[in-house]
Protein backbone atom coordinates (compact mmCIF):
# COMPACT_ATOMS: atom_id res chain seq x y z
CA UNK A 1 -1.22 -73.24 41.93
CA UNK A 2 -2.70 -69.85 42.80
CA UNK A 3 -1.96 -66.29 43.77
CA UNK A 4 -4.14 -64.40 46.23
CA UNK A 5 -4.34 -60.66 46.66
CA UNK A 6 -6.36 -58.50 49.04
CA UNK A 7 -8.71 -55.85 47.75
CA UNK A 8 -9.80 -53.27 50.31
CA UNK A 9 -10.22 -49.57 50.93
CA UNK A 10 -8.33 -48.35 53.99
CA UNK A 11 -11.00 -45.76 54.75
CA UNK A 12 -13.57 -48.55 55.14
CA UNK A 13 -11.38 -50.45 57.59
CA UNK A 14 -9.79 -47.84 59.86
CA UNK A 15 -10.40 -44.26 60.99
CA UNK A 16 -8.31 -41.72 59.11
CA UNK A 17 -5.32 -40.24 60.95
CA UNK A 18 -4.57 -43.60 62.61
CA UNK A 19 -1.38 -45.57 62.15
CA UNK A 20 -3.36 -48.54 60.76
CA UNK A 21 -5.08 -46.34 58.19
CA UNK A 22 -1.74 -45.00 56.94
CA UNK A 23 -0.24 -48.49 56.65
CA UNK A 24 -3.24 -49.96 54.85
CA UNK A 25 -3.66 -46.93 52.60
CA UNK A 26 -0.06 -47.38 51.45
CA UNK A 27 -0.69 -50.98 50.36
CA UNK A 28 -4.10 -50.70 48.72
CA UNK A 29 -4.31 -52.64 45.50
CA UNK A 30 -5.68 -50.38 42.79
CA UNK A 31 -8.81 -51.90 41.19
CA UNK A 32 -7.46 -50.82 37.80
CA UNK A 33 -4.67 -53.41 38.21
CA UNK A 34 -7.06 -56.37 38.56
CA UNK A 35 -7.57 -57.18 34.89
CA UNK A 36 -3.85 -56.94 34.17
CA UNK A 37 -3.00 -59.20 37.13
CA UNK A 38 -5.71 -61.65 36.06
CA UNK A 39 -4.43 -61.74 32.46
CA UNK A 40 -0.87 -62.34 33.63
CA UNK A 41 -2.00 -65.11 36.01
CA UNK A 42 -4.00 -66.75 33.23
CA UNK A 43 -0.97 -66.55 30.93
CA UNK A 44 1.13 -68.32 33.59
CA UNK A 45 -1.69 -70.83 34.28
CA UNK A 46 -1.98 -69.65 37.88
CA UNK A 47 -5.37 -69.23 39.54
CA UNK A 48 -5.93 -65.57 40.41
CA UNK A 49 -8.18 -64.66 43.31
CA UNK A 50 -8.45 -62.15 46.13
CA UNK A 51 -9.89 -61.43 49.53
CA UNK A 52 -12.66 -58.90 49.34
CA UNK A 53 -13.45 -56.57 52.21
CA UNK A 54 -16.51 -54.72 50.88
CA UNK A 55 -19.20 -54.84 48.19
CA UNK A 56 -17.37 -52.54 45.77
CA UNK A 57 -14.25 -54.69 45.98
CA UNK A 58 -16.33 -57.83 45.44
CA UNK A 59 -17.96 -56.30 42.37
CA UNK A 60 -14.56 -55.26 40.97
CA UNK A 61 -13.31 -58.81 41.43
CA UNK A 62 -16.38 -60.31 39.78
CA UNK A 63 -15.96 -57.91 36.86
CA UNK A 64 -12.38 -59.17 36.56
CA UNK A 65 -13.79 -62.67 36.04
CA UNK A 66 -12.20 -64.29 39.07
CA UNK A 67 -13.15 -67.88 39.79
CA UNK A 68 -12.82 -67.82 43.61
CA UNK A 69 -13.62 -65.26 46.31
CA UNK A 70 -11.79 -65.25 49.63
CA UNK A 71 -13.33 -63.95 52.82
CA UNK A 72 -10.81 -62.95 55.48
CA UNK A 73 -11.53 -64.05 59.02
CA UNK A 74 -11.96 -60.42 60.07
CA UNK A 75 -14.90 -60.21 57.65
CA UNK A 76 -16.78 -63.41 58.51
CA UNK A 77 -19.35 -61.64 60.72
CA UNK A 78 -20.11 -58.89 58.17
CA UNK A 79 -23.08 -60.84 56.87
CA UNK A 80 -24.31 -58.16 54.43
CA UNK A 81 -20.98 -58.35 52.56
CA UNK A 82 -20.84 -62.13 52.84
CA UNK A 83 -24.37 -62.41 51.48
CA UNK A 84 -23.47 -60.20 48.54
CA UNK A 85 -20.32 -62.21 47.79
CA UNK A 86 -22.22 -65.51 48.01
CA UNK A 87 -24.86 -64.25 45.57
CA UNK A 88 -22.40 -64.62 42.66
CA UNK A 89 -22.35 -68.38 43.35
CA UNK A 90 -18.65 -68.82 42.69
CA UNK A 91 -16.49 -70.87 45.07
CA UNK A 92 -15.72 -69.13 48.35
CA UNK A 93 -12.85 -69.70 50.74
CA UNK A 94 -13.67 -68.47 54.24
CA UNK A 95 -10.95 -68.02 56.87
CA UNK A 96 -11.93 -68.71 60.46
CA UNK A 97 -9.16 -67.25 62.64
CA UNK A 98 -11.21 -64.50 64.25
CA UNK A 99 -14.45 -66.47 64.44
CA UNK A 100 -16.30 -68.55 66.98
CA UNK A 101 -18.00 -71.77 65.83
CA UNK A 102 -21.34 -69.97 65.89
CA UNK A 103 -19.94 -67.27 63.55
CA UNK A 104 -18.72 -69.94 61.14
CA UNK A 105 -22.08 -71.72 61.21
CA UNK A 106 -23.90 -68.47 60.52
CA UNK A 107 -21.57 -67.62 57.63
CA UNK A 108 -22.07 -71.03 56.03
CA UNK A 109 -25.85 -70.78 56.52
CA UNK A 110 -25.94 -67.35 54.85
CA UNK A 111 -24.02 -68.65 51.85
CA UNK A 112 -26.18 -71.75 51.52
CA UNK A 113 -29.44 -69.80 51.84
CA UNK A 114 -28.32 -67.65 48.91
CA UNK A 115 -27.73 -70.87 46.97
CA UNK A 116 -23.93 -70.98 47.19
CA UNK A 117 -22.78 -74.37 48.47
CA UNK A 118 -19.26 -73.98 47.05
CA UNK A 119 -17.59 -73.25 50.38
CA UNK A 120 -14.21 -74.17 51.80
CA UNK A 121 -13.10 -73.17 55.28
CA UNK A 122 -9.54 -72.35 56.26
CA UNK A 123 -8.41 -73.00 59.81
CA UNK A 124 -6.47 -69.88 60.70
CA UNK A 125 -4.55 -68.68 63.69
CA UNK A 126 -4.40 -64.91 63.39
CA UNK A 127 -0.93 -64.45 64.86
CA UNK A 128 1.92 -63.36 62.60
CA UNK A 129 4.00 -65.47 62.71
CA UNK A 130 2.16 -68.23 64.54
CA UNK A 131 4.29 -70.40 66.84
CA UNK A 132 3.63 -74.08 66.05
CA UNK A 133 2.57 -74.70 69.66
CA UNK A 134 -0.29 -72.18 69.21
CA UNK A 135 -1.59 -73.46 65.86
CA UNK A 136 -4.18 -75.89 67.22
CA UNK A 137 -4.02 -77.73 63.91
CA UNK A 138 -6.47 -80.43 65.03
CA UNK A 139 -9.18 -77.85 64.30
CA UNK A 140 -8.92 -78.90 60.65
CA UNK A 141 -10.51 -82.27 61.45
CA UNK A 142 -12.98 -80.65 63.85
CA UNK A 143 -14.18 -78.07 61.31
CA UNK A 144 -14.49 -80.74 58.63
CA UNK A 145 -16.64 -82.97 60.85
CA UNK A 146 -18.85 -80.18 62.16
CA UNK A 147 -19.53 -78.34 58.90
CA UNK A 148 -19.09 -81.10 56.29
CA UNK A 149 -17.26 -78.81 53.86
CA UNK A 150 -13.67 -78.98 52.60
CA UNK A 151 -11.22 -77.47 55.08
CA UNK A 152 -7.70 -76.16 54.60
CA UNK A 153 -5.08 -74.18 56.46
CA UNK A 154 -4.16 -70.52 56.24
CA UNK A 155 -0.62 -70.98 57.47
CA UNK A 156 1.16 -68.14 59.24
CA UNK A 157 3.91 -70.29 60.72
CA UNK A 158 7.55 -70.29 59.70
CA UNK A 159 8.61 -73.34 57.67
CA UNK A 160 6.53 -76.11 56.14
CA UNK A 161 5.84 -78.33 59.17
CA UNK A 162 2.31 -76.98 59.67
CA UNK A 163 1.40 -77.38 56.00
CA UNK A 164 2.61 -80.99 55.92
CA UNK A 165 0.75 -81.75 59.15
CA UNK A 166 -2.40 -80.11 57.81
CA UNK A 167 -2.38 -82.36 54.77
CA UNK A 168 -2.19 -85.44 57.00
CA UNK A 169 -5.30 -84.14 58.77
CA UNK A 170 -7.19 -83.83 55.48
CA UNK A 171 -6.52 -80.21 54.50
CA UNK A 172 -7.62 -79.54 50.91
CA UNK A 173 -6.02 -76.09 50.56
CA UNK A 174 -2.85 -74.61 51.97
CA UNK A 175 -2.53 -70.82 51.94
């Protein structure tokens, strides 16, 4: 149904001359590719969206006329970026793998105060790959009850067992 990319600048995530910087620099998606990727996705009737890691990336995505913004779990506490992303009032998918419940509540509050109520959470376990025994998939129901927003699963397990289980627990999105 959809294809998701990640739009970031390595120099805003990691110090230069680190191994992480070199890896992320090598996989940066060039902003100039966005419109072409969006056109191709539209042609194939696939929803195009991306995770944004900074305000410039968010603006580039908005200019590409995306219909959904994704917030990675590593970015959930960067409220100035989250606030900016929410201000465009398009649907937002927020991953929760690196967040405490209080972080999630604060993120949702920020979005709602800006006037963006189009929020979906993704239960995420930030291990790659995630062993099924560590998934804690019951968090899908818990997040749904606590925050009263649609909840899905960002699945990093091997196979489709977790995705099928997530659907039985009410997941609305599988990534």
